[in-house]
Amino acid sequence: LGRALAGAAGWITGLRAEQSAFRAAVPLAIHDEGYGLIK
């Protein structure tokens, strides 16, 4: 994944808040600090 996102400014995912308690706070857009891009 790190190679796939290398140099990317944005990352689109299929995350849904309903999938699990861990993902309940998933927003429509966020700054991903780990990869340094907009998720």
PDB file of all heavy atoms in Angstrom:
ATOM      1  N   LEU A   1       0.831  -1.202   0.000  1.00  0.00           N
ATOM      2  CA  LEU A   1       0.000   0.000   0.000  1.00  0.00           C
ATOM      3  C   LEU A   1       0.866   1.253   0.000  1.00  0.00           C
ATOM      4  O   LEU A   1       0.554   2.224  -0.699  1.00  0.00           O
ATOM      5  CB  LEU A   1      -0.926   0.019   1.212  1.00  0.00           C
ATOM      6  CG  LEU A   1      -1.762   1.295   1.363  1.00  0.00           C
ATOM      7  CD1 LEU A   1      -2.759   1.424   0.220  1.00  0.00           C
ATOM      8  CD2 LEU A   1      -2.486   1.320   2.701  1.00  0.00           C
ATOM      9  N   GLY A   2       1.941   1.233   0.767  1.00  0.00           N
ATOM     10  CA  GLY A   2       2.839   2.380   0.783  1.00  0.00           C
ATOM     11  C   GLY A   2       3.372   2.693  -0.600  1.00  0.00           C
ATOM     12  O   GLY A   2       3.468   3.869  -0.989  1.00  0.00           O
ATOM     13  N   ARG A   3       3.686   1.664  -1.379  1.00  0.00           N
ATOM     14  CA  ARG A   3       4.154   1.886  -2.750  1.00  0.00           C
ATOM     15  C   ARG A   3       3.025   2.388  -3.645  1.00  0.00           C
ATOM     16  O   ARG A   3       3.230   3.247  -4.498  1.00  0.00           O
ATOM     17  CB  ARG A   3       4.743   0.600  -3.315  1.00  0.00           C
ATOM     18  CG  ARG A   3       6.133   0.300  -2.768  1.00  0.00           C
ATOM     19  CD  ARG A   3       6.782  -0.864  -3.474  1.00  0.00           C
ATOM     20  NE  ARG A   3       6.349  -2.154  -2.923  1.00  0.00           N
ATOM     21  CZ  ARG A   3       5.726  -3.099  -3.583  1.00  0.00           C
ATOM     22  NH1 ARG A   3       5.409  -2.927  -4.858  1.00  0.00           N
ATOM     23  NH2 ARG A   3       5.410  -4.245  -2.996  1.00  0.00           N
ATOM     24  N   ALA A   4       1.819   1.839  -3.438  1.00  0.00           N
ATOM     25  CA  ALA A   4       0.673   2.276  -4.253  1.00  0.00           C
ATOM     26  C   ALA A   4       0.353   3.741  -4.025  1.00  0.00           C
ATOM     27  O   ALA A   4      -0.074   4.445  -4.955  1.00  0.00           O
ATOM     28  CB  ALA A   4      -0.541   1.405  -3.931  1.00  0.00           C
ATOM     29  N   LEU A   5       0.553   4.221  -2.797  1.00  0.00           N
ATOM     30  CA  LEU A   5       0.193   5.598  -2.455  1.00  0.00           C
ATOM     31  C   LEU A   5       1.370   6.568  -2.571  1.00  0.00           C
ATOM     32  O   LEU A   5       1.187   7.770  -2.331  1.00  0.00           O
ATOM     33  CB  LEU A   5      -0.360   5.651  -1.029  1.00  0.00           C
ATOM     34  CG  LEU A   5      -1.668   4.910  -0.768  1.00  0.00           C
ATOM     35  CD1 LEU A   5      -2.077   5.052   0.686  1.00  0.00           C
ATOM     36  CD2 LEU A   5      -2.787   5.405  -1.689  1.00  0.00           C
ATOM     37  N   ALA A   6       2.536   6.077  -2.948  1.00  0.00           N
ATOM     38  CA  ALA A   6       3.710   6.942  -3.031  1.00  0.00           C
ATOM     39  C   ALA A   6       3.444   8.098  -3.996  1.00  0.00           C
ATOM     40  O   ALA A   6       3.088   7.885  -5.155  1.00  0.00           O
ATOM     41  CB  ALA A   6       4.926   6.140  -3.481  1.00  0.00           C
ATOM     42  N   GLY A   7       3.594   9.308  -3.506  1.00  0.00           N
ATOM     43  CA  GLY A   7       3.398  10.479  -4.343  1.00  0.00           C
ATOM     44  C   GLY A   7       1.954  10.892  -4.537  1.00  0.00           C
ATOM     45  O   GLY A   7       1.676  11.868  -5.230  1.00  0.00           O
ATOM     46  N   ALA A   8       1.023  10.168  -3.931  1.00  0.00           N
ATOM     47  CA  ALA A   8      -0.401  10.494  -4.095  1.00  0.00           C
ATOM     48  C   ALA A   8      -0.791  11.647  -3.177  1.00  0.00           C
ATOM     49  O   ALA A   8      -0.246  11.811  -2.086  1.00  0.00           O
ATOM     50  CB  ALA A   8      -1.264   9.276  -3.796  1.00  0.00           C
ATOM     51  N   ALA A   9      -1.760  12.438  -3.640  1.00  0.00           N
ATOM     52  CA  ALA A   9      -2.305  13.530  -2.827  1.00  0.00           C
ATOM     53  C   ALA A   9      -3.602  13.109  -2.148  1.00  0.00           C
ATOM     54  O   ALA A   9      -4.004  13.704  -1.146  1.00  0.00           O
ATOM     55  CB  ALA A   9      -2.556  14.758  -3.700  1.00  0.00           C
ATOM     56  N   GLY A  10      -4.268  12.090  -2.702  1.00  0.00           N
ATOM     57  CA  GLY A  10      -5.524  11.637  -2.140  1.00  0.00           C
ATOM     58  C   GLY A  10      -5.682  10.137  -2.256  1.00  0.00           C
ATOM     59  O   GLY A  10      -5.151   9.508  -3.178  1.00  0.00           O
ATOM     60  N   TRP A  11      -6.419   9.565  -1.297  1.00  0.00           N
ATOM     61  CA  TRP A  11      -6.628   8.109  -1.234  1.00  0.00           C
ATOM     62  C   TRP A  11      -8.118   7.866  -0.999  1.00  0.00           C
ATOM     63  O   TRP A  11      -8.692   8.362  -0.030  1.00  0.00           O
ATOM     64  CB  TRP A  11      -5.788   7.530  -0.103  1.00  0.00           C
ATOM     65  CG  TRP A  11      -5.979   6.075   0.198  1.00  0.00           C
ATOM     66  CD1 TRP A  11      -6.447   5.107  -0.637  1.00  0.00           C
ATOM     67  CD2 TRP A  11      -5.668   5.416   1.444  1.00  0.00           C
ATOM     68  NE1 TRP A  11      -6.456   3.888   0.004  1.00  0.00           N
ATOM     69  CE2 TRP A  11      -5.982   4.051   1.272  1.00  0.00           C
ATOM     70  CE3 TRP A  11      -5.162   5.860   2.668  1.00  0.00           C
ATOM     71  CZ2 TRP A  11      -5.817   3.125   2.299  1.00  0.00           C
ATOM     72  CZ3 TRP A  11      -4.986   4.940   3.687  1.00  0.00           C
ATOM     73  CH2 TRP A  11      -5.301   3.581   3.498  1.00  0.00           C
ATOM     74  N   ILE A  12      -8.741   7.114  -1.892  1.00  0.00           N
ATOM     75  CA  ILE A  12     -10.156   6.772  -1.771  1.00  0.00           C
ATOM     76  C   ILE A  12     -10.279   5.344  -1.260  1.00  0.00           C
ATOM     77  O   ILE A  12      -9.609   4.436  -1.760  1.00  0.00           O
ATOM     78  CB  ILE A  12     -10.873   6.910  -3.129  1.00  0.00           C
ATOM     79  CG1 ILE A  12     -10.819   8.367  -3.601  1.00  0.00           C
ATOM     80  CG2 ILE A  12     -12.324   6.443  -3.049  1.00  0.00           C
ATOM     81  CD1 ILE A  12     -11.336   8.569  -5.015  1.00  0.00           C
ATOM     82  N   THR A  13     -11.136   5.134  -0.257  1.00  0.00           N
ATOM     83  CA  THR A  13     -11.325   3.809   0.324  1.00  0.00           C
ATOM     84  C   THR A  13     -12.815   3.465   0.399  1.00  0.00           C
ATOM     85  O   THR A  13     -13.672   4.328   0.247  1.00  0.00           O
ATOM     86  CB  THR A  13     -10.737   3.710   1.747  1.00  0.00           C
ATOM     87  OG1 THR A  13     -11.699   4.192   2.697  1.00  0.00           O
ATOM     88  CG2 THR A  13      -9.449   4.503   1.879  1.00  0.00           C
ATOM     89  N   GLY A  14     -13.106   2.207   0.691  1.00  0.00           N
ATOM     90  CA  GLY A  14     -14.478   1.746   0.851  1.00  0.00           C
ATOM     91  C   GLY A  14     -14.913   1.633   2.297  1.00  0.00           C
ATOM     92  O   GLY A  14     -15.883   0.926   2.597  1.00  0.00           O
ATOM     93  N   LEU A  15     -14.250   2.324   3.211  1.00  0.00           N
ATOM     94  CA  LEU A  15     -14.613   2.250   4.631  1.00  0.00           C
ATOM     95  C   LEU A  15     -16.033   2.763   4.862  1.00  0.00           C
ATOM     96  O   LEU A  15     -16.448   3.769   4.291  1.00  0.00           O
ATOM     97  CB  LEU A  15     -13.651   3.087   5.474  1.00  0.00           C
ATOM     98  CG  LEU A  15     -12.188   2.647   5.535  1.00  0.00           C
ATOM     99  CD1 LEU A  15     -11.415   3.578   6.456  1.00  0.00           C
ATOM    100  CD2 LEU A  15     -12.065   1.208   6.007  1.00  0.00           C
ATOM    101  N   ARG A  16     -16.763   2.057   5.741  1.00  0.00           N
ATOM    102  CA  ARG A  16     -18.085   2.500   6.189  1.00  0.00           C
ATOM    103  C   ARG A  16     -18.122   2.487   7.713  1.00  0.00           C
ATOM    104  O   ARG A  16     -17.575   1.586   8.351  1.00  0.00           O
ATOM    105  CB  ARG A  16     -19.197   1.575   5.649  1.00  0.00           C
ATOM    106  CG  ARG A  16     -19.455   1.698   4.180  1.00  0.00           C
ATOM    107  CD  ARG A  16     -20.691   0.899   3.756  1.00  0.00           C
ATOM    108  NE  ARG A  16     -20.565  -0.526   4.038  1.00  0.00           N
ATOM    109  CZ  ARG A  16     -21.266  -1.172   4.958  1.00  0.00           C
ATOM    110  NH1 ARG A  16     -22.157  -0.537   5.713  1.00  0.00           N
ATOM    111  NH2 ARG A  16     -21.091  -2.475   5.137  1.00  0.00           N
ATOM    112  N   ALA A  17     -18.797   3.453   8.287  1.00  0.00           N
ATOM    113  CA  ALA A  17     -18.875   3.547   9.744  1.00  0.00           C
ATOM    114  C   ALA A  17     -19.583   2.337  10.340  1.00  0.00           C
ATOM    115  O   ALA A  17     -19.287   1.929  11.469  1.00  0.00           O
ATOM    116  CB  ALA A  17     -19.598   4.827  10.149  1.00  0.00           C
ATOM    117  N   GLU A  18     -20.488   1.738   9.605  1.00  0.00           N
ATOM    118  CA  GLU A  18     -21.298   0.631  10.117  1.00  0.00           C
ATOM    119  C   GLU A  18     -20.544  -0.687  10.167  1.00  0.00           C
ATOM    120  O   GLU A  18     -21.010  -1.655  10.778  1.00  0.00           O
ATOM    121  CB  GLU A  18     -22.547   0.488   9.223  1.00  0.00           C
ATOM    122  CG  GLU A  18     -23.642  -0.375   9.769  1.00  0.00           C
ATOM    123  CD  GLU A  18     -24.789  -0.549   8.769  1.00  0.00           C
ATOM    124  OE1 GLU A  18     -24.603  -1.233   7.748  1.00  0.00           O
ATOM    125  OE2 GLU A  18     -25.865   0.031   9.016  1.00  0.00           O
ATOM    126  N   GLN A  19     -19.364  -0.759   9.564  1.00  0.00           N
ATOM    127  CA  GLN A  19     -18.653  -2.032   9.456  1.00  0.00           C
ATOM    128  C   GLN A  19     -18.183  -2.583  10.798  1.00  0.00           C
ATOM    129  O   GLN A  19     -18.116  -3.796  10.980  1.00  0.00           O
ATOM    130  CB  GLN A  19     -17.451  -1.866   8.516  1.00  0.00           C
ATOM    131  CG  GLN A  19     -17.847  -1.729   7.057  1.00  0.00           C
ATOM    132  CD  GLN A  19     -16.661  -1.350   6.188  1.00  0.00           C
ATOM    133  OE1 GLN A  19     -15.746  -0.653   6.622  1.00  0.00           O
ATOM    134  NE2 GLN A  19     -16.680  -1.778   4.946  1.00  0.00           N
ATOM    135  N   SER A  20     -17.821  -1.711  11.729  1.00  0.00           N
ATOM    136  CA  SER A  20     -17.347  -2.172  13.030  1.00  0.00           C
ATOM    137  C   SER A  20     -17.332  -1.005  13.998  1.00  0.00           C
ATOM    138  O   SER A  20     -17.385   0.163  13.595  1.00  0.00           O
ATOM    139  CB  SER A  20     -15.932  -2.762  12.918  1.00  0.00           C
ATOM    140  OG  SER A  20     -14.981  -1.753  12.625  1.00  0.00           O
ATOM    141  N   ALA A  21     -17.223  -1.326  15.281  1.00  0.00           N
ATOM    142  CA  ALA A  21     -17.138  -0.273  16.302  1.00  0.00           C
ATOM    143  C   ALA A  21     -15.887   0.566  16.099  1.00  0.00           C
ATOM    144  O   ALA A  21     -15.901   1.781  16.323  1.00  0.00           O
ATOM    145  CB  ALA A  21     -17.145  -0.904  17.698  1.00  0.00           C
ATOM    146  N   PHE A  22     -14.789  -0.062  15.682  1.00  0.00           N
ATOM    147  CA  PHE A  22     -13.541   0.649  15.445  1.00  0.00           C
ATOM    148  C   PHE A  22     -13.695   1.693  14.341  1.00  0.00           C
ATOM    149  O   PHE A  22     -13.049   2.746  14.378  1.00  0.00           O
ATOM    150  CB  PHE A  22     -12.446  -0.347  15.078  1.00  0.00           C
ATOM    151  CG  PHE A  22     -11.111   0.284  14.760  1.00  0.00           C
ATOM    152  CD1 PHE A  22     -10.336   0.839  15.763  1.00  0.00           C
ATOM    153  CD2 PHE A  22     -10.635   0.310  13.459  1.00  0.00           C
ATOM    154  CE1 PHE A  22      -9.104   1.417  15.474  1.00  0.00           C
ATOM    155  CE2 PHE A  22      -9.408   0.882  13.168  1.00  0.00           C
ATOM    156  CZ  PHE A  22      -8.641   1.433  14.174  1.00  0.00           C
ATOM    157  N   ARG A  23     -14.562   1.410  13.360  1.00  0.00           N
ATOM    158  CA  ARG A  23     -14.733   2.315  12.226  1.00  0.00           C
ATOM    159  C   ARG A  23     -15.923   3.268  12.375  1.00  0.00           C
ATOM    160  O   ARG A  23     -16.253   4.009  11.455  1.00  0.00           O
ATOM    161  CB  ARG A  23     -14.890   1.497  10.936  1.00  0.00           C
ATOM    162  CG  ARG A  23     -13.652   0.676  10.608  1.00  0.00           C
ATOM    163  CD  ARG A  23     -13.774  -0.100   9.304  1.00  0.00           C
ATOM    164  NE  ARG A  23     -12.520  -0.768   8.983  1.00  0.00           N
ATOM    165  CZ  ARG A  23     -12.284  -1.436   7.866  1.00  0.00           C
ATOM    166  NH1 ARG A  23     -13.235  -1.537   6.949  1.00  0.00           N
ATOM    167  NH2 ARG A  23     -11.113  -2.002   7.652  1.00  0.00           N
ATOM    168  N   ALA A  24     -16.551   3.254  13.543  1.00  0.00           N
ATOM    169  CA  ALA A  24     -17.778   4.030  13.743  1.00  0.00           C
ATOM    170  C   ALA A  24     -17.583   5.528  13.542  1.00  0.00           C
ATOM    171  O   ALA A  24     -18.532   6.236  13.208  1.00  0.00           O
ATOM    172  CB  ALA A  24     -18.342   3.764  15.141  1.00  0.00           C
ATOM    173  N   ALA A  25     -16.362   6.017  13.743  1.00  0.00           N
ATOM    174  CA  ALA A  25     -16.101   7.453  13.601  1.00  0.00           C
ATOM    175  C   ALA A  25     -15.530   7.826  12.240  1.00  0.00           C
ATOM    176  O   ALA A  25     -15.080   8.955  12.043  1.00  0.00           O
ATOM    177  CB  ALA A  25     -15.145   7.918  14.695  1.00  0.00           C
ATOM    178  N   VAL A  26     -15.566   6.896  11.294  1.00  0.00           N
ATOM    179  CA  VAL A  26     -14.999   7.179   9.971  1.00  0.00           C
ATOM    180  C   VAL A  26     -15.731   8.355   9.323  1.00  0.00           C
ATOM    181  O   VAL A  26     -16.943   8.310   9.134  1.00  0.00           O
ATOM    182  CB  VAL A  26     -15.096   5.938   9.063  1.00  0.00           C
ATOM    183  CG1 VAL A  26     -14.793   6.295   7.612  1.00  0.00           C
ATOM    184  CG2 VAL A  26     -14.136   4.860   9.528  1.00  0.00           C
ATOM    185  N   PRO A  27     -15.005   9.429   8.958  1.00  0.00           N
ATOM    186  CA  PRO A  27     -15.628  10.578   8.302  1.00  0.00           C
ATOM    187  C   PRO A  27     -15.579  10.436   6.779  1.00  0.00           C
ATOM    188  O   PRO A  27     -14.894   9.551   6.250  1.00  0.00           O
ATOM    189  CB  PRO A  27     -14.749  11.734   8.762  1.00  0.00           C
ATOM    190  CG  PRO A  27     -13.382  11.111   8.854  1.00  0.00           C
ATOM    191  CD  PRO A  27     -13.598   9.666   9.287  1.00  0.00           C
ATOM    192  N   LEU A  28     -16.280  11.292   6.090  1.00  0.00           N
ATOM    193  CA  LEU A  28     -16.250  11.274   4.633  1.00  0.00           C
ATOM    194  C   LEU A  28     -14.901  11.728   4.090  1.00  0.00           C
ATOM    195  O   LEU A  28     -14.486  11.306   3.015  1.00  0.00           O
ATOM    196  CB  LEU A  28     -17.367  12.160   4.066  1.00  0.00           C
ATOM    197  CG  LEU A  28     -18.787  11.606   4.224  1.00  0.00           C
ATOM    198  CD1 LEU A  28     -19.813  12.689   3.929  1.00  0.00           C
ATOM    199  CD2 LEU A  28     -18.999  10.408   3.300  1.00  0.00           C
ATOM    200  N   ALA A  29     -14.226  12.593   4.821  1.00  0.00           N
ATOM    201  CA  ALA A  29     -12.901  13.065   4.409  1.00  0.00           C
ATOM    202  C   ALA A  29     -12.076  13.372   5.646  1.00  0.00           C
ATOM    203  O   ALA A  29     -12.600  13.836   6.658  1.00  0.00           O
ATOM    204  CB  ALA A  29     -13.023  14.311   3.536  1.00  0.00           C
ATOM    205  N   ILE A  30     -10.776  13.111   5.557  1.00  0.00           N
ATOM    206  CA  ILE A  30      -9.885  13.316   6.697  1.00  0.00           C
ATOM    207  C   ILE A  30      -8.462  13.473   6.187  1.00  0.00           C
ATOM    208  O   ILE A  30      -8.117  12.957   5.113  1.00  0.00           O
ATOM    209  CB  ILE A  30      -9.978  12.121   7.673  1.00  0.00           C
ATOM    210  CG1 ILE A  30      -9.286  12.399   8.987  1.00  0.00           C
ATOM    211  CG2 ILE A  30      -9.431  10.865   7.038  1.00  0.00           C
ATOM    212  CD1 ILE A  30      -9.549  11.343  10.057  1.00  0.00           C
ATOM    213  N   HIS A  31      -7.651  14.176   6.938  1.00  0.00           N
ATOM    214  CA  HIS A  31      -6.224  14.202   6.627  1.00  0.00           C
ATOM    215  C   HIS A  31      -5.584  12.995   7.288  1.00  0.00           C
ATOM    216  O   HIS A  31      -5.634  12.839   8.516  1.00  0.00           O
ATOM    217  CB  HIS A  31      -5.563  15.487   7.134  1.00  0.00           C
ATOM    218  CG  HIS A  31      -4.092  15.534   6.860  1.00  0.00           C
ATOM    219  ND1 HIS A  31      -3.148  15.179   7.790  1.00  0.00           N
ATOM    220  CD2 HIS A  31      -3.407  15.841   5.732  1.00  0.00           C
ATOM    221  CE1 HIS A  31      -1.941  15.289   7.256  1.00  0.00           C
ATOM    222  NE2 HIS A  31      -2.080  15.690   6.013  1.00  0.00           N
ATOM    223  N   ASP A  32      -5.001  12.111   6.474  1.00  0.00           N
ATOM    224  CA  ASP A  32      -4.352  10.906   6.987  1.00  0.00           C
ATOM    225  C   ASP A  32      -2.898  11.256   7.301  1.00  0.00           C
ATOM    226  O   ASP A  32      -2.083  11.440   6.390  1.00  0.00           O
ATOM    227  CB  ASP A  32      -4.435   9.786   5.957  1.00  0.00           C
ATOM    228  CG  ASP A  32      -3.974   8.447   6.504  1.00  0.00           C
ATOM    229  OD1 ASP A  32      -2.784   8.352   6.884  1.00  0.00           O
ATOM    230  OD2 ASP A  32      -4.782   7.508   6.561  1.00  0.00           O
ATOM    231  N   GLU A  33      -2.586  11.346   8.586  1.00  0.00           N
ATOM    232  CA  GLU A  33      -1.239  11.730   9.001  1.00  0.00           C
ATOM    233  C   GLU A  33      -0.203  10.672   8.639  1.00  0.00           C
ATOM    234  O   GLU A  33       0.948  10.985   8.342  1.00  0.00           O
ATOM    235  CB  GLU A  33      -1.213  11.993  10.504  1.00  0.00           C
ATOM    236  CG  GLU A  33      -2.014  13.207  10.922  1.00  0.00           C
ATOM    237  CD  GLU A  33      -1.896  13.480  12.417  1.00  0.00           C
ATOM    238  OE1 GLU A  33      -1.687  12.513  13.185  1.00  0.00           O
ATOM    239  OE2 GLU A  33      -2.026  14.638  12.801  1.00  0.00           O
ATOM    240  N   GLY A  34      -0.619   9.403   8.672  1.00  0.00           N
ATOM    241  CA  GLY A  34       0.317   8.326   8.388  1.00  0.00           C
ATOM    242  C   GLY A  34       0.878   8.386   6.979  1.00  0.00           C
ATOM    243  O   GLY A  34       2.075   8.170   6.766  1.00  0.00           O
ATOM    244  N   TYR A  35       0.015   8.678   6.013  1.00  0.00           N
ATOM    245  CA  TYR A  35       0.441   8.716   4.616  1.00  0.00           C
ATOM    246  C   TYR A  35       0.582  10.130   4.086  1.00  0.00           C
ATOM    247  O   TYR A  35       0.996  10.327   2.949  1.00  0.00           O
ATOM    248  CB  TYR A  35      -0.534   7.915   3.744  1.00  0.00           C
ATOM    249  CG  TYR A  35      -0.486   6.431   4.029  1.00  0.00           C
ATOM    250  CD1 TYR A  35      -1.484   5.812   4.774  1.00  0.00           C
ATOM    251  CD2 TYR A  35       0.573   5.653   3.582  1.00  0.00           C
ATOM    252  CE1 TYR A  35      -1.436   4.447   5.054  1.00  0.00           C
ATOM    253  CE2 TYR A  35       0.641   4.297   3.845  1.00  0.00           C
ATOM    254  CZ  TYR A  35      -0.367   3.698   4.584  1.00  0.00           C
ATOM    255  OH  TYR A  35      -0.302   2.359   4.865  1.00  0.00           O
ATOM    256  N   GLY A  36       0.210  11.119   4.879  1.00  0.00           N
ATOM    257  CA  GLY A  36       0.386  12.504   4.480  1.00  0.00           C
ATOM    258  C   GLY A  36      -0.437  12.900   3.281  1.00  0.00           C
ATOM    259  O   GLY A  36       0.053  13.577   2.367  1.00  0.00           O
ATOM    260  N   LEU A  37      -1.709  12.500   3.276  1.00  0.00           N
ATOM    261  CA  LEU A  37      -2.588  12.824   2.156  1.00  0.00           C
ATOM    262  C   LEU A  37      -4.025  12.969   2.648  1.00  0.00           C
ATOM    263  O   LEU A  37      -4.315  12.784   3.824  1.00  0.00           O
ATOM    264  CB  LEU A  37      -2.491  11.751   1.062  1.00  0.00           C
ATOM    265  CG  LEU A  37      -2.464  10.257   1.454  1.00  0.00           C
ATOM    266  CD1 LEU A  37      -3.734   9.826   2.141  1.00  0.00           C
ATOM    267  CD2 LEU A  37      -2.202   9.399   0.239  1.00  0.00           C
ATOM    268  N   ILE A  38      -4.918  13.318   1.722  1.00  0.00           N
ATOM    269  CA  ILE A  38      -6.331  13.411   2.045  1.00  0.00           C
ATOM    270  C   ILE A  38      -6.980  12.056   1.784  1.00  0.00           C
ATOM    271  O   ILE A  38      -6.840  11.487   0.701  1.00  0.00           O
ATOM    272  CB  ILE A  38      -7.041  14.485   1.193  1.00  0.00           C
ATOM    273  CG1 ILE A  38      -6.332  15.827   1.324  1.00  0.00           C
ATOM    274  CG2 ILE A  38      -8.511  14.605   1.618  1.00  0.00           C
ATOM    275  CD1 ILE A  38      -6.244  16.349   2.734  1.00  0.00           C
ATOM    276  N   LYS A  39      -7.668  11.523   2.776  1.00  0.00           N
ATOM    277  CA  LYS A  39      -8.328  10.229   2.659  1.00  0.00           C
ATOM    278  C   LYS A  39      -9.825  10.462   2.504  1.00  0.00           C
ATOM    279  O   LYS A  39     -10.463  11.101   3.348  1.00  0.00           O
ATOM    280  CB  LYS A  39      -8.042   9.393   3.902  1.00  0.00           C
ATOM    281  CG  LYS A  39      -8.515   7.953   3.844  1.00  0.00           C
ATOM    282  CD  LYS A  39      -8.029   7.248   5.104  1.00  0.00           C
ATOM    283  CE  LYS A  39      -8.372   5.782   5.134  1.00  0.00           C
ATOM    284  NZ  LYS A  39      -7.870   5.137   6.359  1.00  0.00           N
TER     285      LYS A  39
END
